[in-house]
Protein backbone atom coordinates (compact mmCIF):
# COMPACT_ATOMS: atom_id res chain seq x y z
CA UNK A 1 0.00 0.00 0.00
CA UNK A 2 1.37 3.38 -0.98
CA UNK A 3 1.07 6.33 1.40
CA UNK A 4 -2.02 8.47 0.88
CA UNK A 5 -1.09 12.15 0.75
CA UNK A 6 -3.95 13.54 2.93
CA UNK A 7 -3.25 10.92 5.60
CA UNK A 8 0.49 11.63 5.51
CA UNK A 9 -0.22 15.37 5.89
CA UNK A 10 -2.58 14.75 8.80
CA UNK A 11 -0.09 12.55 10.64
CA UNK A 12 2.62 15.17 10.01
CA UNK A 13 0.27 17.82 11.39
CA UNK A 14 -0.28 15.78 14.55
CA UNK A 15 3.49 15.51 14.95
CA UNK A 16 3.94 19.25 14.31
CA UNK A 17 1.49 20.15 17.08
CA UNK A 18 3.44 17.83 19.37
CA UNK A 19 0.92 15.07 19.86
CA UNK A 20 2.30 12.04 21.62
CA UNK A 21 4.10 9.57 19.33
CA UNK A 22 1.72 6.91 20.65
CA UNK A 23 -1.26 9.06 19.62
CA UNK A 24 0.15 9.52 16.12
CA UNK A 25 0.82 5.78 15.89
CA UNK A 26 -2.75 4.98 17.02
CA UNK A 27 -4.21 7.36 14.42
CA UNK A 28 -1.98 5.82 11.74
CA UNK A 29 -3.18 2.33 12.68
CA UNK A 30 -6.85 3.36 12.65
CA UNK A 31 -6.49 5.16 9.33
CA UNK A 32 -4.81 2.07 7.87
CA UNK A 33 -7.83 0.02 8.96
CA UNK A 34 -10.14 2.61 7.41
CA UNK A 35 -8.30 2.52 4.08
CA UNK A 36 -8.18 -1.30 4.14
CA UNK A 37 -11.93 -1.41 4.75
CA UNK A 38 -12.67 1.03 1.92
CA UNK A 39 -10.29 -0.74 -0.46
CA UNK A 40 -11.92 -4.09 0.29
CA UNK A 41 -15.29 -2.63 -0.66
CA UNK A 42 -13.95 -0.67 -3.64
CA UNK A 43 -15.10 2.65 -2.15
CA UNK A 44 -13.15 5.86 -2.79
CA UNK A 45 -12.45 7.71 0.46
CA UNK A 46 -13.87 10.89 -1.09
CA UNK A 47 -17.20 9.19 -1.80
CA UNK A 48 -17.91 7.69 1.65
CA UNK A 49 -21.55 7.59 2.73
CA UNK A 50 -23.01 7.35 6.22
CA UNK A 51 -23.83 3.68 5.57
CA UNK A 52 -20.13 2.99 4.92
CA UNK A 53 -19.26 4.25 8.38
CA UNK A 54 -21.89 1.98 9.94
CA UNK A 55 -20.47 -0.93 7.95
CA UNK A 56 -16.98 -0.03 9.21
CA UNK A 57 -18.13 -0.27 12.83
CA UNK A 58 -19.62 -3.71 12.17
CA UNK A 59 -16.43 -4.77 10.35
CA UNK A 60 -14.24 -3.65 13.26
CA UNK A 61 -16.32 -5.74 15.67
CA UNK A 62 -15.62 -8.95 13.76
CA UNK A 63 -13.03 -11.17 15.45
CA UNK A 64 -9.79 -11.72 13.58
CA UNK A 65 -9.67 -15.46 12.95
CA UNK A 66 -7.59 -17.52 10.57
CA UNK A 67 -9.55 -18.62 7.52
CA UNK A 68 -11.74 -21.62 8.32
CA UNK A 69 -11.40 -21.33 12.10
CA UNK A 70 -14.53 -20.99 14.23
CA UNK A 71 -14.60 -19.98 17.87
CA UNK A 72 -17.33 -20.00 20.53
CA UNK A 73 -18.36 -16.89 22.39
CA UNK A 74 -17.33 -16.79 26.07
CA UNK A 75 -21.01 -17.00 27.06
CA UNK A 76 -21.36 -20.34 25.23
CA UNK A 77 -21.06 -23.32 27.53
CA UNK A 78 -20.60 -26.66 25.86
CA UNK A 79 -22.39 -29.52 27.56
CA UNK A 80 -22.66 -33.17 26.75
CA UNK A 81 -26.01 -34.23 25.29
CA UNK A 82 -28.43 -35.93 27.68
CA UNK A 83 -28.48 -39.70 27.24
CA UNK A 84 -31.32 -41.79 28.55
PDB file of N, CA and C in Angstrom:
ATOM      1  N   UNK A   1       0.849  -1.186   0.000  1.00  0.00           N
ATOM      2  CA  UNK A   1       0.000   0.000   0.000  1.00  0.00           C
ATOM      3  C   UNK A   1       0.892   1.245   0.000  1.00  0.00           C
ATOM      4  N   UNK A   2       0.620   2.132  -0.907  1.00  0.00           N
ATOM      5  CA  UNK A   2       1.365   3.384  -0.984  1.00  0.00           C
ATOM      6  C   UNK A   2       0.767   4.392  -0.006  1.00  0.00           C
ATOM      7  N   UNK A   3       1.596   5.291   0.500  1.00  0.00           N
ATOM      8  CA  UNK A   3       1.066   6.325   1.398  1.00  0.00           C
ATOM      9  C   UNK A   3       0.016   7.175   0.675  1.00  0.00           C
ATOM     10  N   UNK A   4      -0.969   7.609   1.420  1.00  0.00           N
ATOM     11  CA  UNK A   4      -2.018   8.472   0.877  1.00  0.00           C
ATOM     12  C   UNK A   4      -1.722   9.876   1.374  1.00  0.00           C
ATOM     13  N   UNK A   5      -1.561  10.799   0.432  1.00  0.00           N
ATOM     14  CA  UNK A   5      -1.094  12.154   0.749  1.00  0.00           C
ATOM     15  C   UNK A   5      -1.885  12.838   1.866  1.00  0.00           C
ATOM     16  N   UNK A   6      -3.225  12.853   1.843  1.00  0.00           N
ATOM     17  CA  UNK A   6      -3.951  13.536   2.931  1.00  0.00           C
ATOM     18  C   UNK A   6      -3.684  12.900   4.302  1.00  0.00           C
ATOM     19  N   UNK A   7      -3.532  11.592   4.323  1.00  0.00           N
ATOM     20  CA  UNK A   7      -3.248  10.921   5.600  1.00  0.00           C
ATOM     21  C   UNK A   7      -1.837  11.271   6.070  1.00  0.00           C
ATOM     22  N   UNK A   8      -0.887  11.258   5.155  1.00  0.00           N
ATOM     23  CA  UNK A   8       0.489  11.633   5.507  1.00  0.00           C
ATOM     24  C   UNK A   8       0.538  13.057   6.054  1.00  0.00           C
ATOM     25  N   UNK A   9      -0.198  13.977   5.422  1.00  0.00           N
ATOM     26  CA  UNK A   9      -0.221  15.369   5.888  1.00  0.00           C
ATOM     27  C   UNK A   9      -0.848  15.459   7.274  1.00  0.00           C
ATOM     28  N   UNK A  10      -1.918  14.711   7.500  1.00  0.00           N
ATOM     29  CA  UNK A  10      -2.583  14.751   8.800  1.00  0.00           C
ATOM     30  C   UNK A  10      -1.677  14.215   9.905  1.00  0.00           C
ATOM     31  N   UNK A  11      -1.008  13.107   9.635  1.00  0.00           N
ATOM     32  CA  UNK A  11      -0.093  12.549  10.639  1.00  0.00           C
ATOM     33  C   UNK A  11       1.075  13.500  10.890  1.00  0.00           C
ATOM     34  N   UNK A  12       1.553  14.171   9.833  1.00  0.00           N
ATOM     35  CA  UNK A  12       2.622  15.167  10.008  1.00  0.00           C
ATOM     36  C   UNK A  12       2.117  16.343  10.843  1.00  0.00           C
ATOM     37  N   UNK A  13       0.882  16.742  10.606  1.00  0.00           N
ATOM     38  CA  UNK A  13       0.269  17.820  11.392  1.00  0.00           C
ATOM     39  C   UNK A  13       0.211  17.450  12.865  1.00  0.00           C
ATOM     40  N   UNK A  14      -0.218  16.218  13.159  1.00  0.00           N
ATOM     41  CA  UNK A  14      -0.279  15.778  14.551  1.00  0.00           C
ATOM     42  C   UNK A  14       1.101  15.825  15.197  1.00  0.00           C
ATOM     43  N   UNK A  15       2.108  15.446  14.435  1.00  0.00           N
ATOM     44  CA  UNK A  15       3.486  15.507  14.947  1.00  0.00           C
ATOM     45  C   UNK A  15       3.908  16.960  15.165  1.00  0.00           C
ATOM     46  N   UNK A  16       3.567  17.831  14.212  1.00  0.00           N
ATOM     47  CA  UNK A  16       3.937  19.252  14.311  1.00  0.00           C
ATOM     48  C   UNK A  16       3.321  19.939  15.519  1.00  0.00           C
ATOM     49  N   UNK A  17       2.118  19.522  15.906  1.00  0.00           N
ATOM     50  CA  UNK A  17       1.488  20.147  17.076  1.00  0.00           C
ATOM     51  C   UNK A  17       1.826  19.379  18.358  1.00  0.00           C
ATOM     52  N   UNK A  18       2.841  18.539  18.229  1.00  0.00           N
ATOM     53  CA  UNK A  18       3.441  17.828  19.367  1.00  0.00           C
ATOM     54  C   UNK A  18       2.485  16.870  20.068  1.00  0.00           C
ATOM     55  N   UNK A  19       1.715  16.149  19.277  1.00  0.00           N
ATOM     56  CA  UNK A  19       0.922  15.067  19.856  1.00  0.00           C
ATOM     57  C   UNK A  19       1.875  13.933  20.207  1.00  0.00           C
ATOM     58  N   UNK A  20       1.486  13.158  21.169  1.00  0.00           N
ATOM     59  CA  UNK A  20       2.301  12.037  21.617  1.00  0.00           C
ATOM     60  C   UNK A  20       2.591  11.094  20.442  1.00  0.00           C
ATOM     61  N   UNK A  21       3.812  10.552  20.374  1.00  0.00           N
ATOM     62  CA  UNK A  21       4.102   9.566  19.328  1.00  0.00           C
ATOM     63  C   UNK A  21       3.133   8.388  19.360  1.00  0.00           C
ATOM     64  N   UNK A  22       2.697   8.003  20.555  1.00  0.00           N
ATOM     65  CA  UNK A  22       1.725   6.910  20.646  1.00  0.00           C
ATOM     66  C   UNK A  22       0.374   7.312  20.050  1.00  0.00           C
ATOM     67  N   UNK A  23      -0.017   8.565  20.213  1.00  0.00           N
ATOM     68  CA  UNK A  23      -1.260   9.058  19.624  1.00  0.00           C
ATOM     69  C   UNK A  23      -1.166   9.027  18.103  1.00  0.00           C
ATOM     70  N   UNK A  24      -0.052   9.508  17.571  1.00  0.00           N
ATOM     71  CA  UNK A  24       0.146   9.520  16.122  1.00  0.00           C
ATOM     72  C   UNK A  24       0.135   8.088  15.588  1.00  0.00           C
ATOM     73  N   UNK A  25       0.788   7.188  16.305  1.00  0.00           N
ATOM     74  CA  UNK A  25       0.823   5.785  15.892  1.00  0.00           C
ATOM     75  C   UNK A  25      -0.591   5.185  15.903  1.00  0.00           C
ATOM     76  N   UNK A  26      -1.375   5.500  16.929  1.00  0.00           N
ATOM     77  CA  UNK A  26      -2.749   4.983  17.015  1.00  0.00           C
ATOM     78  C   UNK A  26      -3.600   5.508  15.858  1.00  0.00           C
ATOM     79  N   UNK A  27      -3.469   6.799  15.554  1.00  0.00           N
ATOM     80  CA  UNK A  27      -4.211   7.361  14.422  1.00  0.00           C
ATOM     81  C   UNK A  27      -3.781   6.687  13.126  1.00  0.00           C
ATOM     82  N   UNK A  28      -2.477   6.472  12.959  1.00  0.00           N
ATOM     83  CA  UNK A  28      -1.976   5.823  11.742  1.00  0.00           C
ATOM     84  C   UNK A  28      -2.562   4.423  11.604  1.00  0.00           C
ATOM     85  N   UNK A  29      -2.618   3.681  12.696  1.00  0.00           N
ATOM     86  CA  UNK A  29      -3.179   2.327  12.675  1.00  0.00           C
ATOM     87  C   UNK A  29      -4.661   2.364  12.297  1.00  0.00           C
ATOM     88  N   UNK A  30      -5.412   3.266  12.925  1.00  0.00           N
ATOM     89  CA  UNK A  30      -6.846   3.355  12.649  1.00  0.00           C
ATOM     90  C   UNK A  30      -7.117   3.800  11.213  1.00  0.00           C
ATOM     91  N   UNK A  31      -6.313   4.722  10.717  1.00  0.00           N
ATOM     92  CA  UNK A  31      -6.488   5.164   9.331  1.00  0.00           C
ATOM     93  C   UNK A  31      -6.121   4.059   8.351  1.00  0.00           C
ATOM     94  N   UNK A  32      -5.145   3.227   8.708  1.00  0.00           N
ATOM     95  CA  UNK A  32      -4.806   2.075   7.868  1.00  0.00           C
ATOM     96  C   UNK A  32      -5.988   1.114   7.807  1.00  0.00           C
ATOM     97  N   UNK A  33      -6.628   0.874   8.943  1.00  0.00           N
ATOM     98  CA  UNK A  33      -7.825   0.022   8.962  1.00  0.00           C
ATOM     99  C   UNK A  33      -8.932   0.619   8.091  1.00  0.00           C
ATOM    100  N   UNK A  34      -9.111   1.921   8.190  1.00  0.00           N
ATOM    101  CA  UNK A  34     -10.143   2.608   7.411  1.00  0.00           C
ATOM    102  C   UNK A  34      -9.888   2.432   5.910  1.00  0.00           C
ATOM    103  N   UNK A  35      -8.642   2.654   5.494  1.00  0.00           N
ATOM    104  CA  UNK A  35      -8.296   2.515   4.076  1.00  0.00           C
ATOM    105  C   UNK A  35      -8.434   1.060   3.632  1.00  0.00           C
ATOM    106  N   UNK A  36      -8.033   0.118   4.474  1.00  0.00           N
ATOM    107  CA  UNK A  36      -8.183  -1.305   4.137  1.00  0.00           C
ATOM    108  C   UNK A  36      -9.649  -1.661   3.954  1.00  0.00           C
ATOM    109  N   UNK A  37     -10.490  -1.161   4.840  1.00  0.00           N
ATOM    110  CA  UNK A  37     -11.926  -1.410   4.747  1.00  0.00           C
ATOM    111  C   UNK A  37     -12.481  -0.855   3.440  1.00  0.00           C
ATOM    112  N   UNK A  38     -12.157   0.399   3.142  1.00  0.00           N
ATOM    113  CA  UNK A  38     -12.674   1.025   1.921  1.00  0.00           C
ATOM    114  C   UNK A  38     -12.156   0.325   0.674  1.00  0.00           C
ATOM    115  N   UNK A  39     -10.888  -0.049   0.683  1.00  0.00           N
ATOM    116  CA  UNK A  39     -10.295  -0.739  -0.459  1.00  0.00           C
ATOM    117  C   UNK A  39     -10.984  -2.075  -0.684  1.00  0.00           C
ATOM    118  N   UNK A  40     -11.249  -2.797   0.389  1.00  0.00           N
ATOM    119  CA  UNK A  40     -11.916  -4.088   0.289  1.00  0.00           C
ATOM    120  C   UNK A  40     -13.321  -3.987  -0.272  1.00  0.00           C
ATOM    121  N   UNK A  41     -13.926  -2.840  -0.146  1.00  0.00           N
ATOM    122  CA  UNK A  41     -15.288  -2.633  -0.661  1.00  0.00           C
ATOM    123  C   UNK A  41     -15.294  -1.792  -1.932  1.00  0.00           C
ATOM    124  N   UNK A  42     -14.102  -1.465  -2.421  1.00  0.00           N
ATOM    125  CA  UNK A  42     -13.949  -0.675  -3.643  1.00  0.00           C
ATOM    126  C   UNK A  42     -14.680   0.663  -3.541  1.00  0.00           C
ATOM    127  N   UNK A  43     -14.483   1.344  -2.387  1.00  0.00           N
ATOM    128  CA  UNK A  43     -15.096   2.650  -2.147  1.00  0.00           C
ATOM    129  C   UNK A  43     -13.987   3.683  -2.071  1.00  0.00           C
ATOM    130  N   UNK A  44     -14.112   4.755  -2.842  1.00  0.00           N
ATOM    131  CA  UNK A  44     -13.149   5.858  -2.795  1.00  0.00           C
ATOM    132  C   UNK A  44     -13.373   6.645  -1.507  1.00  0.00           C
ATOM    133  N   UNK A  45     -12.307   7.028  -0.820  1.00  0.00           N
ATOM    134  CA  UNK A  45     -12.449   7.705   0.465  1.00  0.00           C
ATOM    135  C   UNK A  45     -13.171   9.040   0.332  1.00  0.00           C
ATOM    136  N   UNK A  46     -13.185   9.615  -0.873  1.00  0.00           N
ATOM    137  CA  UNK A  46     -13.868  10.893  -1.088  1.00  0.00           C
ATOM    138  C   UNK A  46     -15.355  10.710  -1.399  1.00  0.00           C
ATOM    139  N   UNK A  47     -15.800   9.462  -1.477  1.00  0.00           N
ATOM    140  CA  UNK A  47     -17.204   9.190  -1.795  1.00  0.00           C
ATOM    141  C   UNK A  47     -17.893   8.376  -0.686  1.00  0.00           C
ATOM    142  N   UNK A  48     -17.367   8.449   0.521  1.00  0.00           N
ATOM    143  CA  UNK A  48     -17.910   7.689   1.648  1.00  0.00           C
ATOM    144  C   UNK A  48     -19.292   8.204   2.018  1.00  0.00           C
ATOM    145  N   UNK A  49     -20.193   7.270   2.295  1.00  0.00           N
ATOM    146  CA  UNK A  49     -21.555   7.588   2.730  1.00  0.00           C
ATOM    147  C   UNK A  49     -21.701   7.207   4.203  1.00  0.00           C
ATOM    148  N   UNK A  50     -22.731   7.666   4.825  1.00  0.00           N
ATOM    149  CA  UNK A  50     -23.006   7.353   6.225  1.00  0.00           C
ATOM    150  C   UNK A  50     -23.090   5.845   6.433  1.00  0.00           C
ATOM    151  N   UNK A  51     -23.691   5.132   5.477  1.00  0.00           N
ATOM    152  CA  UNK A  51     -23.826   3.679   5.572  1.00  0.00           C
ATOM    153  C   UNK A  51     -22.453   2.992   5.619  1.00  0.00           C
ATOM    154  N   UNK A  52     -21.481   3.563   4.919  1.00  0.00           N
ATOM    155  CA  UNK A  52     -20.131   2.989   4.921  1.00  0.00           C
ATOM    156  C   UNK A  52     -19.521   3.049   6.319  1.00  0.00           C
ATOM    157  N   UNK A  53     -19.792   4.121   7.029  1.00  0.00           N
ATOM    158  CA  UNK A  53     -19.260   4.253   8.385  1.00  0.00           C
ATOM    159  C   UNK A  53     -19.908   3.230   9.307  1.00  0.00           C
ATOM    160  N   UNK A  54     -21.208   3.022   9.161  1.00  0.00           N
ATOM    161  CA  UNK A  54     -21.893   1.984   9.940  1.00  0.00           C
ATOM    162  C   UNK A  54     -21.330   0.609   9.629  1.00  0.00           C
ATOM    163  N   UNK A  55     -21.068   0.357   8.341  1.00  0.00           N
ATOM    164  CA  UNK A  55     -20.473  -0.929   7.952  1.00  0.00           C
ATOM    165  C   UNK A  55     -19.078  -1.088   8.526  1.00  0.00           C
ATOM    166  N   UNK A  56     -18.324   0.022   8.617  1.00  0.00           N
ATOM    167  CA  UNK A  56     -16.982  -0.031   9.208  1.00  0.00           C
ATOM    168  C   UNK A  56     -17.058  -0.470  10.665  1.00  0.00           C
ATOM    169  N   UNK A  57     -17.990   0.085  11.414  1.00  0.00           N
ATOM    170  CA  UNK A  57     -18.134  -0.274  12.828  1.00  0.00           C
ATOM    171  C   UNK A  57     -18.424  -1.764  12.961  1.00  0.00           C
ATOM    172  N   UNK A  58     -19.319  -2.272  12.132  1.00  0.00           N
ATOM    173  CA  UNK A  58     -19.619  -3.711  12.171  1.00  0.00           C
ATOM    174  C   UNK A  58     -18.394  -4.530  11.791  1.00  0.00           C
ATOM    175  N   UNK A  59     -17.643  -4.081  10.799  1.00  0.00           N
ATOM    176  CA  UNK A  59     -16.427  -4.772  10.348  1.00  0.00           C
ATOM    177  C   UNK A  59     -15.379  -4.811  11.456  1.00  0.00           C
ATOM    178  N   UNK A  60     -15.230  -3.709  12.179  1.00  0.00           N
ATOM    179  CA  UNK A  60     -14.244  -3.652  13.261  1.00  0.00           C
ATOM    180  C   UNK A  60     -14.607  -4.577  14.422  1.00  0.00           C
ATOM    181  N   UNK A  61     -15.884  -4.865  14.577  1.00  0.00           N
ATOM    182  CA  UNK A  61     -16.324  -5.739  15.668  1.00  0.00           C
ATOM    183  C   UNK A  61     -16.112  -7.214  15.372  1.00  0.00           C
ATOM    184  N   UNK A  62     -15.836  -7.551  14.115  1.00  0.00           N
ATOM    185  CA  UNK A  62     -15.617  -8.949  13.763  1.00  0.00           C
ATOM    186  C   UNK A  62     -14.302  -9.434  14.362  1.00  0.00           C
ATOM    187  N   UNK A  63     -14.285 -10.647  14.917  1.00  0.00           N
ATOM    188  CA  UNK A  63     -13.029 -11.170  15.452  1.00  0.00           C
ATOM    189  C   UNK A  63     -12.074 -11.516  14.309  1.00  0.00           C
ATOM    190  N   UNK A  64     -10.798 -11.357  14.568  1.00  0.00           N
ATOM    191  CA  UNK A  64      -9.787 -11.719  13.581  1.00  0.00           C
ATOM    192  C   UNK A  64      -9.443 -13.185  13.776  1.00  0.00           C
ATOM    193  N   UNK A  65      -9.905 -14.020  12.870  1.00  0.00           N
ATOM    194  CA  UNK A  65      -9.670 -15.455  12.950  1.00  0.00           C
ATOM    195  C   UNK A  65      -8.994 -15.934  11.677  1.00  0.00           C
ATOM    196  N   UNK A  66      -8.130 -16.928  11.786  1.00  0.00           N
ATOM    197  CA  UNK A  66      -7.586 -17.521  10.569  1.00  0.00           C
ATOM    198  C   UNK A  66      -8.721 -18.093   9.729  1.00  0.00           C
ATOM    199  N   UNK A  67      -8.527 -18.114   8.440  1.00  0.00           N
ATOM    200  CA  UNK A  67      -9.553 -18.618   7.522  1.00  0.00           C
ATOM    201  C   UNK A  67      -9.940 -20.040   7.912  1.00  0.00           C
ATOM    202  N   UNK A  68     -11.237 -20.291   8.022  1.00  0.00           N
ATOM    203  CA  UNK A  68     -11.741 -21.620   8.324  1.00  0.00           C
ATOM    204  C   UNK A  68     -11.832 -21.943   9.799  1.00  0.00           C
ATOM    205  N   UNK A  69     -11.356 -21.058  10.665  1.00  0.00           N
ATOM    206  CA  UNK A  69     -11.405 -21.335  12.105  1.00  0.00           C
ATOM    207  C   UNK A  69     -12.668 -20.723  12.696  1.00  0.00           C
ATOM    208  N   UNK A  70     -13.320 -21.461  13.564  1.00  0.00           N
ATOM    209  CA  UNK A  70     -14.529 -20.993  14.234  1.00  0.00           C
ATOM    210  C   UNK A  70     -14.258 -21.013  15.724  1.00  0.00           C
ATOM    211  N   UNK A  71     -14.781 -20.034  16.430  1.00  0.00           N
ATOM    212  CA  UNK A  71     -14.604 -19.981  17.874  1.00  0.00           C
ATOM    213  C   UNK A  71     -15.955 -19.752  18.537  1.00  0.00           C
ATOM    214  N   UNK A  72     -16.091 -20.192  19.773  1.00  0.00           N
ATOM    215  CA  UNK A  72     -17.330 -19.998  20.528  1.00  0.00           C
ATOM    216  C   UNK A  72     -17.216 -18.732  21.353  1.00  0.00           C
ATOM    217  N   UNK A  73     -18.328 -18.065  21.541  1.00  0.00           N
ATOM    218  CA  UNK A  73     -18.359 -16.892  22.392  1.00  0.00           C
ATOM    219  C   UNK A  73     -18.134 -17.319  23.840  1.00  0.00           C
ATOM    220  N   UNK A  74     -17.566 -16.431  24.666  1.00  0.00           N
ATOM    221  CA  UNK A  74     -17.328 -16.787  26.068  1.00  0.00           C
ATOM    222  C   UNK A  74     -18.606 -17.187  26.803  1.00  0.00           C
ATOM    223  N   UNK A  75     -19.759 -16.668  26.378  1.00  0.00           N
ATOM    224  CA  UNK A  75     -21.010 -16.996  27.060  1.00  0.00           C
ATOM    225  C   UNK A  75     -21.530 -18.381  26.692  1.00  0.00           C
ATOM    226  N   UNK A  76     -20.935 -19.014  25.667  1.00  0.00           N
ATOM    227  CA  UNK A  76     -21.359 -20.337  25.228  1.00  0.00           C
ATOM    228  C   UNK A  76     -20.739 -21.390  26.136  1.00  0.00           C
ATOM    229  N   UNK A  77     -21.560 -22.273  26.652  1.00  0.00           N
ATOM    230  CA  UNK A  77     -21.061 -23.319  27.534  1.00  0.00           C
ATOM    231  C   UNK A  77     -21.393 -24.655  26.887  1.00  0.00           C
ATOM    232  N   UNK A  78     -20.377 -25.377  26.531  1.00  0.00           N
ATOM    233  CA  UNK A  78     -20.597 -26.658  25.862  1.00  0.00           C
ATOM    234  C   UNK A  78     -20.924 -27.718  26.914  1.00  0.00           C
ATOM    235  N   UNK A  79     -21.997 -28.443  26.658  1.00  0.00           N
ATOM    236  CA  UNK A  79     -22.388 -29.525  27.562  1.00  0.00           C
ATOM    237  C   UNK A  79     -22.603 -30.784  26.760  1.00  0.00           C
ATOM    238  N   UNK A  80     -22.432 -31.887  27.411  1.00  0.00           N
ATOM    239  CA  UNK A  80     -22.661 -33.170  26.748  1.00  0.00           C
ATOM    240  C   UNK A  80     -24.158 -33.369  26.580  1.00  0.00           C
ATOM    241  N   UNK A  81     -24.562 -33.994  25.488  1.00  0.00           N
ATOM    242  CA  UNK A  81     -26.005 -34.232  25.287  1.00  0.00           C
ATOM    243  C   UNK A  81     -26.524 -35.199  26.349  1.00  0.00           C
ATOM    244  N   UNK A  82     -27.800 -35.031  26.711  1.00  0.00           N
ATOM    245  CA  UNK A  82     -28.431 -35.930  27.679  1.00  0.00           C
ATOM    246  C   UNK A  82     -28.653 -37.296  27.043  1.00  0.00           C
ATOM    247  N   UNK A  83     -28.264 -38.340  27.737  1.00  0.00           N
ATOM    248  CA  UNK A  83     -28.485 -39.698  27.239  1.00  0.00           C
ATOM    249  C   UNK A  83     -29.408 -40.415  28.211  1.00  0.00           C
ATOM    250  N   UNK A  84     -30.374 -41.080  27.684  1.00  0.00           N
ATOM    251  CA  UNK A  84     -31.322 -41.793  28.547  1.00  0.00           C
ATOM    252  C   UNK A  84     -31.288 -43.254  28.270  1.00  0.00           C
TER     253      UNK A  84
END
